[in-house]
C-alpha atoms as a PDB file:
ATOM      1  CA  MET A   1    -103.464 -36.676  62.314  1.00  0.00           C
ATOM      2  CA  ASN A   2    -104.449 -38.966  65.094  1.00  0.00           C
ATOM      3  CA  ARG A   3    -102.195 -37.945  67.964  1.00  0.00           C
ATOM      4  CA  SER A   4    -102.836 -41.073  69.897  1.00  0.00           C
ATOM      5  CA  GLY A   5    -101.259 -43.051  67.246  1.00  0.00           C
ATOM      6  CA  CYS A   6     -97.770 -41.521  67.446  1.00  0.00           C
ATOM      7  CA  ASP A   7     -94.885 -41.950  69.883  1.00  0.00           C
ATOM      8  CA  PHE A   8     -91.114 -41.938  70.058  1.00  0.00           C
ATOM      9  CA  GLY A   9     -90.111 -45.644  70.185  1.00  0.00           C
ATOM     10  CA  ARG A  10     -87.070 -47.426  71.487  1.00  0.00           C
ATOM     11  CA  GLU A  11     -84.758 -45.931  68.854  1.00  0.00           C
ATOM     12  CA  GLY A  12     -86.146 -42.429  69.233  1.00  0.00           C
ATOM     13  CA  VAL A  13     -88.088 -42.640  66.054  1.00  0.00           C
ATOM     14  CA  ALA A  14     -91.677 -41.279  65.883  1.00  0.00           C
ATOM     15  CA  VAL A  15     -93.989 -44.167  65.412  1.00  0.00           C
ATOM     16  CA  LEU A  16     -97.316 -43.403  63.837  1.00  0.00           C
ATOM     17  CA  SER A  17    -100.494 -45.459  63.405  1.00  0.00           C
ATOM     18  CA  GLU A  18    -104.041 -44.980  62.295  1.00  0.00           C
ATOM     19  CA  THR A  19    -103.364 -41.757  60.547  1.00  0.00           C
ATOM     20  CA  ASP A  20    -104.485 -40.726  57.061  1.00  0.00           C
ATOM     21  CA  GLY A  21    -102.818 -37.281  57.253  1.00  0.00           C
ATOM     22  CA  LEU A  22     -99.558 -35.927  55.821  1.00  0.00           C
ATOM     23  CA  PHE A  23     -97.141 -37.795  57.969  1.00  0.00           C
ATOM     24  CA  ASP A  24     -96.765 -41.517  58.393  1.00  0.00           C
ATOM     25  CA  ALA A  25     -94.150 -43.863  59.971  1.00  0.00           C
ATOM     26  CA  GLU A  26     -92.786 -44.900  56.673  1.00  0.00           C
ATOM     27  CA  LEU A  27     -91.688 -41.497  55.714  1.00  0.00           C
ATOM     28  CA  LEU A  28     -89.855 -40.861  59.123  1.00  0.00           C
ATOM     29  CA  LYS A  29     -88.352 -44.409  59.184  1.00  0.00           C
ATOM     30  CA  LYS A  30     -86.590 -43.617  55.813  1.00  0.00           C
ATOM     31  CA  ILE A  31     -85.022 -40.540  57.074  1.00  0.00           C
ATOM     32  CA  GLU A  32     -84.344 -41.248  60.743  1.00  0.00           C
ATOM     33  CA  ARG A  33     -80.532 -41.456  60.515  1.00  0.00           C
ATOM     34  CA  LEU A  34     -80.065 -38.311  58.581  1.00  0.00           C
ATOM     35  CA  SER A  35     -79.196 -34.822  59.930  1.00  0.00           C
ATOM     36  CA  ILE A  36     -79.229 -31.357  58.533  1.00  0.00           C
ATOM     37  CA  VAL A  37     -75.827 -29.939  57.607  1.00  0.00           C
ATOM     38  CA  ALA A  38     -74.700 -26.455  58.338  1.00  0.00           C
ATOM     39  CA  ARG A  39     -72.357 -25.182  55.554  1.00  0.00           C
ATOM     40  CA  LYS A  40     -70.861 -22.733  58.017  1.00  0.00           C
ATOM     41  CA  SER A  41     -70.249 -22.867  61.773  1.00  0.00           C
ATOM     42  CA  LEU A  42     -73.266 -21.616  63.788  1.00  0.00           C
ATOM     43  CA  ALA A  43     -73.032 -20.819  67.511  1.00  0.00           C
ATOM     44  CA  GLY A  44     -75.666 -22.664  69.621  1.00  0.00           C
ATOM     45  CA  ARG A  45     -76.584 -22.349  73.197  1.00  0.00           C
ATOM     46  CA  SER A  46     -76.834 -25.913  74.474  1.00  0.00           C
ATOM     47  CA  ALA A  47     -75.535 -29.423  73.633  1.00  0.00           C
ATOM     48  CA  GLY A  48     -76.509 -30.856  70.356  1.00  0.00           C
ATOM     49  CA  LYS A  49     -74.895 -32.247  67.280  1.00  0.00           C
ATOM     50  CA  ARG A  50     -73.919 -29.026  65.432  1.00  0.00           C
ATOM     51  CA  ARG A  51     -70.377 -27.686  65.353  1.00  0.00           C
ATOM     52  CA  SER A  52     -69.897 -24.292  67.082  1.00  0.00           C
ATOM     53  CA  PRO A  53     -67.188 -21.640  66.746  1.00  0.00           C
ATOM     54  CA  ARG A  54     -67.530 -20.977  70.479  1.00  0.00           C
ATOM     55  CA  ARG A  55     -65.896 -24.160  71.275  1.00  0.00           C
ATOM     56  CA  GLY A  56     -62.443 -25.792  70.532  1.00  0.00           C
ATOM     57  CA  SER A  57     -61.401 -29.206  69.157  1.00  0.00           C
ATOM     58  CA  SER A  58     -63.896 -31.991  68.911  1.00  0.00           C
ATOM     59  CA  VAL A  59     -61.573 -34.004  71.235  1.00  0.00           C
ATOM     60  CA  GLU A  60     -61.899 -31.319  74.015  1.00  0.00           C
ATOM     61  CA  PHE A  61     -64.375 -32.497  76.621  1.00  0.00           C
ATOM     62  CA  ALA A  62     -67.184 -30.100  77.494  1.00  0.00           C
ATOM     63  CA  ASP A  63     -69.893 -31.835  79.559  1.00  0.00           C
ATOM     64  CA  TYR A  64     -71.971 -34.830  80.306  1.00  0.00           C
ATOM     65  CA  ARG A  65     -75.746 -35.323  79.647  1.00  0.00           C
ATOM     66  CA  ASN A  66     -78.145 -38.079  80.323  1.00  0.00           C
ATOM     67  CA  TYR A  67     -78.592 -40.738  77.723  1.00  0.00           C
ATOM     68  CA  THR A  68     -81.912 -40.844  76.042  1.00  0.00           C
ATOM     69  CA  SER A  69     -83.451 -43.159  73.405  1.00  0.00           C
ATOM     70  CA  GLY A  70     -82.070 -42.713  70.001  1.00  0.00           C
ATOM     71  CA  ASP A  71     -78.622 -41.392  71.117  1.00  0.00           C
ATOM     72  CA  ASP A  72     -75.451 -42.886  69.672  1.00  0.00           C
ATOM     73  CA  PHE A  73     -74.529 -45.570  72.115  1.00  0.00           C
ATOM     74  CA  ARG A  74     -70.954 -45.300  71.091  1.00  0.00           C
ATOM     75  CA  GLN A  75     -70.808 -41.894  72.889  1.00  0.00           C
ATOM     76  CA  ILE A  76     -71.680 -43.459  76.235  1.00  0.00           C
ATOM     77  CA  ASP A  77     -69.000 -42.991  78.941  1.00  0.00           C
ATOM     78  CA  TRP A  78     -68.847 -46.504  80.520  1.00  0.00           C
ATOM     79  CA  ASN A  79     -66.595 -45.276  83.175  1.00  0.00           C
ATOM     80  CA  ALA A  80     -69.244 -42.890  84.401  1.00  0.00           C
ATOM     81  CA  TYR A  81     -71.785 -45.860  84.151  1.00  0.00           C
ATOM     82  CA  ALA A  82     -69.533 -47.989  86.413  1.00  0.00           C
ATOM     83  CA  ARG A  83     -69.410 -45.260  88.981  1.00  0.00           C
ATOM     84  CA  PHE A  84     -73.049 -44.097  88.922  1.00  0.00           C
ATOM     85  CA  GLU A  85     -74.916 -46.887  87.378  1.00  0.00           C
ATOM     86  CA  ARG A  86     -76.470 -44.510  84.963  1.00  0.00           C
ATOM     87  CA  LEU A  87     -75.939 -43.819  81.255  1.00  0.00           C
ATOM     88  CA  TYR A  88     -74.208 -40.615  80.488  1.00  0.00           C
ATOM     89  CA  LEU A  89     -73.054 -39.198  77.012  1.00  0.00           C
ATOM     90  CA  LYS A  90     -69.844 -37.152  76.663  1.00  0.00           C
ATOM     91  CA  LEU A  91     -70.137 -33.926  74.928  1.00  0.00           C
ATOM     92  CA  PHE A  92     -67.390 -32.274  73.264  1.00  0.00           C
ATOM     93  CA  MET A  93     -66.677 -28.567  72.824  1.00  0.00           C
ATOM     94  CA  GLU A  94     -67.671 -28.418  69.191  1.00  0.00           C
ATOM     95  CA  GLU A  95     -71.011 -30.218  69.545  1.00  0.00           C
ATOM     96  CA  GLN A  96     -73.604 -27.448  69.887  1.00  0.00           C
ATOM     97  CA  ASP A  97     -77.144 -26.946  68.772  1.00  0.00           C
ATOM     98  CA  THR A  98     -78.492 -24.392  66.274  1.00  0.00           C
ATOM     99  CA  THR A  99     -82.038 -23.261  65.373  1.00  0.00           C
ATOM    100  CA  VAL A 100     -83.555 -24.550  62.271  1.00  0.00           C
ATOM    101  CA  HIS A 101     -86.682 -22.961  60.653  1.00  0.00           C
ATOM    102  CA  ALA A 102     -88.935 -24.192  57.958  1.00  0.00           C
ATOM    103  CA  PHE A 103     -91.159 -21.762  56.154  1.00  0.00           C
ATOM    104  CA  VAL A 104     -93.995 -22.992  53.998  1.00  0.00           C
ATOM    105  CA  ASP A 105     -95.741 -20.998  51.277  1.00  0.00           C
ATOM    106  CA  THR A 106     -99.429 -21.316  51.935  1.00  0.00           C
ATOM    107  CA  SER A 107    -100.585 -19.314  48.910  1.00  0.00           C
ATOM    108  CA  ARG A 108    -103.383 -20.655  46.668  1.00  0.00           C
ATOM    109  CA  SER A 109    -100.862 -21.292  43.819  1.00  0.00           C
ATOM    110  CA  MET A 110     -99.383 -24.031  46.186  1.00  0.00           C
ATOM    111  CA  GLU A 111    -102.791 -25.906  46.008  1.00  0.00           C
ATOM    112  CA  TRP A 112    -102.139 -26.654  42.404  1.00  0.00           C
ATOM    113  CA  GLY A 113    -100.920 -30.012  41.140  1.00  0.00           C
ATOM    114  CA  THR A 114    -101.834 -33.698  41.697  1.00  0.00           C
ATOM    115  CA  PRO A 115    -100.740 -34.258  44.501  1.00  0.00           C
ATOM    116  CA  SER A 116    -100.615 -30.630  45.292  1.00  0.00           C
ATOM    117  CA  LYS A 117     -97.484 -28.587  45.922  1.00  0.00           C
ATOM    118  CA  ALA A 118     -98.851 -27.635  49.331  1.00  0.00           C
ATOM    119  CA  ARG A 119     -98.908 -31.292  50.380  1.00  0.00           C
ATOM    120  CA  LEU A 120     -95.345 -31.961  49.549  1.00  0.00           C
ATOM    121  CA  ALA A 121     -94.205 -28.633  51.031  1.00  0.00           C
ATOM    122  CA  ARG A 122     -95.759 -29.423  54.404  1.00  0.00           C
ATOM    123  CA  GLN A 123     -94.363 -33.002  54.356  1.00  0.00           C
ATOM    124  CA  LEU A 124     -90.959 -31.576  53.642  1.00  0.00           C
ATOM    125  CA  ALA A 125     -91.311 -29.000  56.459  1.00  0.00           C
ATOM    126  CA  GLY A 126     -92.405 -31.791  58.846  1.00  0.00           C
ATOM    127  CA  ALA A 127     -89.559 -34.109  57.896  1.00  0.00           C
ATOM    128  CA  LEU A 128     -86.951 -31.371  58.286  1.00  0.00           C
ATOM    129  CA  ALA A 129     -88.381 -30.489  61.643  1.00  0.00           C
ATOM    130  CA  TYR A 130     -88.095 -34.135  62.634  1.00  0.00           C
ATOM    131  CA  LEU A 131     -84.474 -34.209  61.602  1.00  0.00           C
ATOM    132  CA  GLY A 132     -83.756 -31.120  63.604  1.00  0.00           C
ATOM    133  CA  LEU A 133     -85.400 -32.374  66.738  1.00  0.00           C
ATOM    134  CA  THR A 134     -83.608 -35.750  66.608  1.00  0.00           C
ATOM    135  CA  SER A 135     -80.257 -33.903  66.292  1.00  0.00           C
ATOM    136  CA  PHE A 136     -81.185 -31.886  69.385  1.00  0.00           C
ATOM    137  CA  ASP A 137     -81.490 -28.546  67.521  1.00  0.00           C
ATOM    138  CA  ASN A 138     -84.115 -25.962  68.080  1.00  0.00           C
ATOM    139  CA  VAL A 139     -86.855 -26.149  65.397  1.00  0.00           C
ATOM    140  CA  GLY A 140     -89.344 -23.442  64.516  1.00  0.00           C
ATOM    141  CA  LEU A 141     -91.851 -23.117  61.676  1.00  0.00           C
ATOM    142  CA  GLY A 142     -93.788 -20.523  59.880  1.00  0.00           C
ATOM    143  CA  SER A 143     -96.431 -20.042  56.992  1.00  0.00           C
ATOM    144  CA  LEU A 144     -95.888 -17.499  54.167  1.00  0.00           C
ATOM    145  CA  GLY A 145     -98.879 -15.576  52.990  1.00  0.00           C
ATOM    146  CA  ALA A 146     -99.486 -11.815  52.992  1.00  0.00           C
ATOM    147  CA  GLY A 147     -97.044 -11.858  55.827  1.00  0.00           C
ATOM    148  CA  LEU A 148     -95.597 -14.374  58.236  1.00  0.00           C
ATOM    149  CA  GLU A 149     -99.101 -15.207  59.119  1.00  0.00           C
ATOM    150  CA  ARG A 150     -98.519 -18.179  61.535  1.00  0.00           C
ATOM    151  CA  TYR A 151     -95.289 -18.773  63.562  1.00  0.00           C
ATOM    152  CA  TYR A 152     -94.342 -21.745  65.694  1.00  0.00           C
ATOM    153  CA  PRO A 153     -91.590 -20.629  68.077  1.00  0.00           C
ATOM    154  CA  PRO A 154     -88.386 -22.786  68.286  1.00  0.00           C
ATOM    155  CA  VAL A 155     -88.730 -25.950  70.399  1.00  0.00           C
ATOM    156  CA  ARG A 156     -86.127 -28.576  71.238  1.00  0.00           C
ATOM    157  CA  ARG A 157     -88.009 -31.422  72.889  1.00  0.00           C
ATOM    158  CA  ARG A 158     -88.503 -34.280  70.447  1.00  0.00           C
ATOM    159  CA  GLY A 159     -92.067 -34.904  71.896  1.00  0.00           C
ATOM    160  CA  GLU A 160     -92.986 -31.501  70.212  1.00  0.00           C
ATOM    161  CA  ILE A 161     -93.056 -33.332  66.843  1.00  0.00           C
ATOM    162  CA  TRP A 162     -96.775 -34.014  67.538  1.00  0.00           C
ATOM    163  CA  ARG A 163     -97.684 -30.311  67.685  1.00  0.00           C
ATOM    164  CA  ILE A 164     -95.481 -29.547  64.713  1.00  0.00           C
ATOM    165  CA  PHE A 165     -97.330 -32.081  62.609  1.00  0.00           C
ATOM    166  CA  GLU A 166    -100.808 -30.731  63.771  1.00  0.00           C
ATOM    167  CA  PHE A 167     -99.544 -27.143  63.001  1.00  0.00           C
ATOM    168  CA  LEU A 168     -98.502 -28.014  59.533  1.00  0.00           C
ATOM    169  CA  GLU A 169    -101.570 -29.932  58.769  1.00  0.00           C
ATOM    170  CA  GLY A 170    -103.794 -27.141  60.132  1.00  0.00           C
ATOM    171  CA  LEU A 171    -102.297 -24.272  58.085  1.00  0.00           C
ATOM    172  CA  PRO A 172    -105.040 -22.449  56.109  1.00  0.00           C
ATOM    173  CA  VAL A 173    -104.603 -21.263  52.629  1.00  0.00           C
ATOM    174  CA  ALA A 174    -103.594 -17.649  52.325  1.00  0.00           C
ATOM    175  CA  ASP A 175    -105.590 -15.125  50.339  1.00  0.00           C
ATOM    176  CA  GLU A 176    -102.545 -13.166  49.303  1.00  0.00           C
ATOM    177  CA  THR A 177     -98.897 -13.920  48.705  1.00  0.00           C
ATOM    178  CA  ASP A 178     -95.895 -11.554  49.585  1.00  0.00           C
ATOM    179  CA  LEU A 179     -92.855 -13.674  50.099  1.00  0.00           C
ATOM    180  CA  ASN A 180     -90.710 -10.550  50.670  1.00  0.00           C
ATOM    181  CA  ARG A 181     -92.944  -9.124  53.500  1.00  0.00           C
ATOM    182  CA  SER A 182     -93.300 -12.627  54.963  1.00  0.00           C
ATOM    183  CA  LEU A 183     -89.591 -13.193  55.268  1.00  0.00           C
ATOM    184  CA  ARG A 184     -88.979  -9.719  56.512  1.00  0.00           C
ATOM    185  CA  ASP A 185     -91.537 -10.461  59.336  1.00  0.00           C
ATOM    186  CA  PHE A 186     -89.171 -13.096  60.518  1.00  0.00           C
ATOM    187  CA  GLY A 187     -86.948 -10.353  62.009  1.00  0.00           C
ATOM    188  CA  ARG A 188     -89.643  -9.632  64.610  1.00  0.00           C
ATOM    189  CA  TYR A 189     -89.140 -13.015  66.151  1.00  0.00           C
ATOM    190  CA  ARG A 190     -85.584 -14.059  65.546  1.00  0.00           C
ATOM    191  CA  ARG A 191     -82.116 -12.725  66.303  1.00  0.00           C
ATOM    192  CA  GLY A 192     -78.814 -14.457  65.703  1.00  0.00           C
ATOM    193  CA  PRO A 193     -77.684 -17.039  63.167  1.00  0.00           C
ATOM    194  CA  GLY A 194     -79.593 -20.198  62.144  1.00  0.00           C
ATOM    195  CA  ILE A 195     -80.700 -22.318  59.179  1.00  0.00           C
ATOM    196  CA  VAL A 196     -83.900 -21.344  57.240  1.00  0.00           C
ATOM    197  CA  PHE A 197     -85.648 -23.511  54.654  1.00  0.00           C
ATOM    198  CA  VAL A 198     -87.920 -21.625  52.498  1.00  0.00           C
ATOM    199  CA  ILE A 199     -90.300 -24.047  50.698  1.00  0.00           C
ATOM    200  CA  SER A 200     -92.366 -22.334  47.943  1.00  0.00           C
ATOM    201  CA  ASP A 201     -93.182 -22.270  44.240  1.00  0.00           C
ATOM    202  CA  PHE A 202     -91.545 -18.877  44.273  1.00  0.00           C
ATOM    203  CA  LEU A 203     -94.352 -17.533  41.902  1.00  0.00           C
ATOM    204  CA  ALA A 204     -95.213 -14.624  44.231  1.00  0.00           C
ATOM    205  CA  PRO A 205     -96.158 -11.404  42.231  1.00  0.00           C
ATOM    206  CA  GLY A 206     -93.621  -9.326  44.245  1.00  0.00           C
ATOM    207  CA  GLY A 207     -90.705 -11.815  43.677  1.00  0.00           C
ATOM    208  CA  TYR A 208     -88.496 -13.202  46.422  1.00  0.00           C
ATOM    209  CA  ARG A 209     -85.202 -11.298  46.164  1.00  0.00           C
ATOM    210  CA  GLU A 210     -85.772  -8.851  49.021  1.00  0.00           C
ATOM    211  CA  GLY A 211     -87.028 -11.491  51.347  1.00  0.00           C
ATOM    212  CA  LEU A 212     -84.149 -14.006  50.835  1.00  0.00           C
ATOM    213  CA  SER A 213     -81.669 -11.142  51.038  1.00  0.00           C
ATOM    214  CA  HIS A 214     -83.136 -10.055  54.445  1.00  0.00           C
ATOM    215  CA  LEU A 215     -82.621 -13.652  55.723  1.00  0.00           C
ATOM    216  CA  ARG A 216     -79.045 -13.533  54.708  1.00  0.00           C
ATOM    217  CA  ALA A 217     -78.508 -10.163  56.405  1.00  0.00           C
ATOM    218  CA  MET A 218     -79.936 -11.672  59.605  1.00  0.00           C
ATOM    219  CA  GLY A 219     -77.114 -14.162  59.551  1.00  0.00           C
ATOM    220  CA  GLN A 220     -79.282 -17.050  58.420  1.00  0.00           C
ATOM    221  CA  GLU A 221     -78.114 -19.878  56.233  1.00  0.00           C
ATOM    222  CA  VAL A 222     -80.811 -20.159  53.474  1.00  0.00           C
ATOM    223  CA  ILE A 223     -82.027 -23.227  51.655  1.00  0.00           C
ATOM    224  CA  ALA A 224     -84.617 -22.411  49.027  1.00  0.00           C
ATOM    225  CA  ILE A 225     -86.700 -25.387  47.852  1.00  0.00           C
ATOM    226  CA  GLN A 226     -88.972 -24.609  44.747  1.00  0.00           C
ATOM    227  CA  VAL A 227     -91.841 -26.981  44.517  1.00  0.00           C
ATOM    228  CA  LEU A 228     -93.552 -27.093  41.075  1.00  0.00           C
ATOM    229  CA  SER A 229     -96.259 -29.317  39.687  1.00  0.00           C
ATOM    230  CA  ALA A 230     -95.591 -31.544  36.566  1.00  0.00           C
ATOM    231  CA  ASP A 231     -98.444 -29.533  34.790  1.00  0.00           C
ATOM    232  CA  GLU A 232     -96.439 -26.361  35.350  1.00  0.00           C
ATOM    233  CA  VAL A 233     -93.107 -27.700  34.210  1.00  0.00           C
ATOM    234  CA  ALA A 234     -94.604 -29.474  31.007  1.00  0.00           C
ATOM    235  CA  PRO A 235     -98.150 -28.424  30.507  1.00  0.00           C
ATOM    236  CA  GLU A 236    -100.213 -30.434  28.039  1.00  0.00           C
ATOM    237  CA  MET A 237    -102.812 -28.285  26.473  1.00  0.00           C
ATOM    238  CA  ALA A 238    -103.739 -26.798  23.053  1.00  0.00           C
ATOM    239  CA  GLY A 239    -106.352 -24.533  21.447  1.00  0.00           C
ATOM    240  CA  ASP A 240    -108.235 -21.658  22.528  1.00  0.00           C
ATOM    241  CA  LEU A 241    -108.459 -21.591  26.369  1.00  0.00           C
ATOM    242  CA  ARG A 242    -109.274 -19.198  29.109  1.00  0.00           C
ATOM    243  CA  LEU A 243    -106.645 -19.290  31.818  1.00  0.00           C
ATOM    244  CA  VAL A 244    -107.577 -18.175  35.226  1.00  0.00           C
ATOM    245  CA  ASP A 245    -105.051 -17.015  37.867  1.00  0.00           C
ATOM    246  CA  VAL A 246    -105.825 -19.137  41.028  1.00  0.00           C
ATOM    247  CA  GLU A 247    -104.823 -16.312  43.298  1.00  0.00           C
ATOM    248  CA  SER A 248    -106.112 -13.004  41.714  1.00  0.00           C
ATOM    249  CA  GLY A 249    -108.936 -14.617  39.740  1.00  0.00           C
ATOM    250  CA  LEU A 250    -107.834 -12.720  36.657  1.00  0.00           C
ATOM    251  CA  ALA A 251    -108.690 -14.481  33.367  1.00  0.00           C
ATOM    252  CA  GLN A 252    -106.687 -14.441  30.122  1.00  0.00           C
ATOM    253  CA  ASP A 253    -107.956 -15.800  26.830  1.00  0.00           C
ATOM    254  CA  VAL A 254    -105.032 -17.450  24.928  1.00  0.00           C
ATOM    255  CA  SER A 255    -104.478 -19.673  21.821  1.00  0.00           C
ATOM    256  CA  VAL A 256    -102.202 -22.326  22.919  1.00  0.00           C
ATOM    257  CA  THR A 257     -99.780 -23.361  20.151  1.00  0.00           C
ATOM    258  CA  PRO A 258     -96.625 -25.514  20.171  1.00  0.00           C
ATOM    259  CA  GLY A 259     -94.610 -22.346  19.859  1.00  0.00           C
ATOM    260  CA  LEU A 260     -96.317 -20.673  22.830  1.00  0.00           C
ATOM    261  CA  LEU A 261     -95.712 -23.750  24.957  1.00  0.00           C
ATOM    262  CA  ARG A 262     -92.004 -23.875  23.960  1.00  0.00           C
ATOM    263  CA  ALA A 263     -91.705 -20.156  24.944  1.00  0.00           C
ATOM    264  CA  TYR A 264     -93.355 -20.860  28.260  1.00  0.00           C
ATOM    265  CA  ARG A 265     -90.940 -23.659  29.067  1.00  0.00           C
ATOM    266  CA  GLU A 266     -87.995 -21.597  28.139  1.00  0.00           C
ATOM    267  CA  ARG A 267     -89.210 -18.640  30.298  1.00  0.00           C
ATOM    268  CA  LEU A 268     -89.903 -20.957  33.291  1.00  0.00           C
ATOM    269  CA  ALA A 269     -86.461 -22.552  32.880  1.00  0.00           C
ATOM    270  CA  ALA A 270     -84.845 -19.170  32.780  1.00  0.00           C
ATOM    271  CA  TYR A 271     -86.752 -18.042  35.815  1.00  0.00           C
ATOM    272  CA  THR A 272     -85.729 -21.015  37.727  1.00  0.00           C
ATOM    273  CA  GLY A 273     -82.067 -20.326  36.656  1.00  0.00           C
ATOM    274  CA  GLU A 274     -82.369 -16.836  37.993  1.00  0.00           C
ATOM    275  CA  ILE A 275     -83.487 -18.045  41.448  1.00  0.00           C
ATOM    276  CA  GLU A 276     -80.666 -20.574  41.461  1.00  0.00           C
ATOM    277  CA  ASP A 277     -78.067 -18.019  40.416  1.00  0.00           C
ATOM    278  CA  PHE A 278     -79.397 -15.546  42.948  1.00  0.00           C
ATOM    279  CA  CYS A 279     -79.003 -18.119  45.640  1.00  0.00           C
ATOM    280  CA  ARG A 280     -75.575 -19.171  44.600  1.00  0.00           C
ATOM    281  CA  ARG A 281     -74.251 -15.554  44.609  1.00  0.00           C
ATOM    282  CA  ARG A 282     -75.443 -15.300  48.131  1.00  0.00           C
ATOM    283  CA  GLU A 283     -73.974 -18.461  49.356  1.00  0.00           C
ATOM    284  CA  SER A 284     -77.435 -20.096  49.610  1.00  0.00           C
ATOM    285  CA  ALA A 285     -78.582 -23.472  48.427  1.00  0.00           C
ATOM    286  CA  PHE A 286     -81.281 -23.993  45.805  1.00  0.00           C
ATOM    287  CA  LEU A 287     -83.258 -27.132  44.939  1.00  0.00           C
ATOM    288  CA  GLN A 288     -86.213 -27.785  42.575  1.00  0.00           C
ATOM    289  CA  VAL A 289     -88.625 -30.640  43.228  1.00  0.00           C
ATOM    290  CA  LEU A 290     -91.899 -31.850  41.673  1.00  0.00           C
ATOM    291  CA  SER A 291     -95.106 -32.192  43.752  1.00  0.00           C
ATOM    292  CA  SER A 292     -95.321 -35.713  42.651  1.00  0.00           C
ATOM    293  CA  ASP A 293     -92.046 -36.521  44.301  1.00  0.00           C
ATOM    294  CA  LYS A 294     -92.086 -38.442  47.481  1.00  0.00           C
ATOM    295  CA  ALA A 295     -90.988 -36.491  50.587  1.00  0.00           C
ATOM    296  CA  ASP A 296     -88.699 -39.229  51.860  1.00  0.00           C
ATOM    297  CA  GLU A 297     -86.935 -39.450  48.493  1.00  0.00           C
ATOM    298  CA  VAL A 298     -86.446 -35.779  48.261  1.00  0.00           C
ATOM    299  CA  VAL A 299     -84.871 -35.696  51.681  1.00  0.00           C
ATOM    300  CA  ALA A 300     -82.879 -38.857  51.575  1.00  0.00           C
ATOM    301  CA  ARG A 301     -81.724 -38.497  47.953  1.00  0.00           C
ATOM    302  CA  SER A 302     -82.136 -34.962  46.583  1.00  0.00           C
ATOM    303  CA  LEU A 303     -81.204 -32.980  49.721  1.00  0.00           C
ATOM    304  CA  ARG A 304     -78.510 -35.517  50.559  1.00  0.00           C
ATOM    305  CA  ARG A 305     -77.063 -35.235  47.043  1.00  0.00           C
ATOM    306  CA  ALA A 306     -77.054 -31.485  47.411  1.00  0.00           C
ATOM    307  CA  GLY A 307     -75.177 -31.610  50.705  1.00  0.00           C
ATOM    308  CA  ILE A 308     -78.010 -30.283  52.712  1.00  0.00           C
ATOM    309  CA  VAL A 309     -78.457 -33.429  54.843  1.00  0.00           C
ATOM    310  CA  ARG A 310     -76.131 -36.389  55.470  1.00  0.00           C
END
């Protein structure tokens, strides 16, 4: 993306221009007033918009901080302004930050689809990072391949959205995929509770159960977002074909019949159901989207309807 074309405007919204990359002003404008919802209380370290068990009632005053563009003007303390002629916001005991991570599967299978699954996955990660930063949360990112191949340590300044977009746009395609190892690797970087979005097609040969369970054992609140292409959900093919695995390169000759396609759809639905049930039993959220879906609609409608953002 063209970094010179992006800035935080008067309302604290990232304004982009002259970019043909993954992120544009229209996407961010449609989600700017949303925030990520924690289903359980998470203890933060500094003032933000997240409820924390370390503090008391929401009416219990904690501290002041300077007003910045994009803050809720209703929280301004006008008595303090009358005394100091500067804008301050009141912070209450329960309003604390947390750490939000978005992990993106960068395997070759994510390159499939029109548009590709990888494109939507990176857009969603960028949109979620934007929501986290505008809520004064700490935001980190990572790419999932043979391991946690690239890691962007948590940041809190909204101006970091520049580098986050560049990080996501620059992620290389991984040669191998091991979701379990990738998610276990996260333990080397992070301690304590937080929220983790895992954005993947979940088609890794070794599965996903161990990795997601490890995140839960770390105290992370897990949201699994499965991205599939329309061709994967409802393939349109027939006759004698040679199918080639995009990651391993292994080929398989098959005769595609209506019965085979029906069996495939049933197996895919069962597999998706297994992931959803696995997440539900571990108090994690699960959502399936198509690569053809628009990122802003996934965030503003699907994630909102699932109670993940509000």
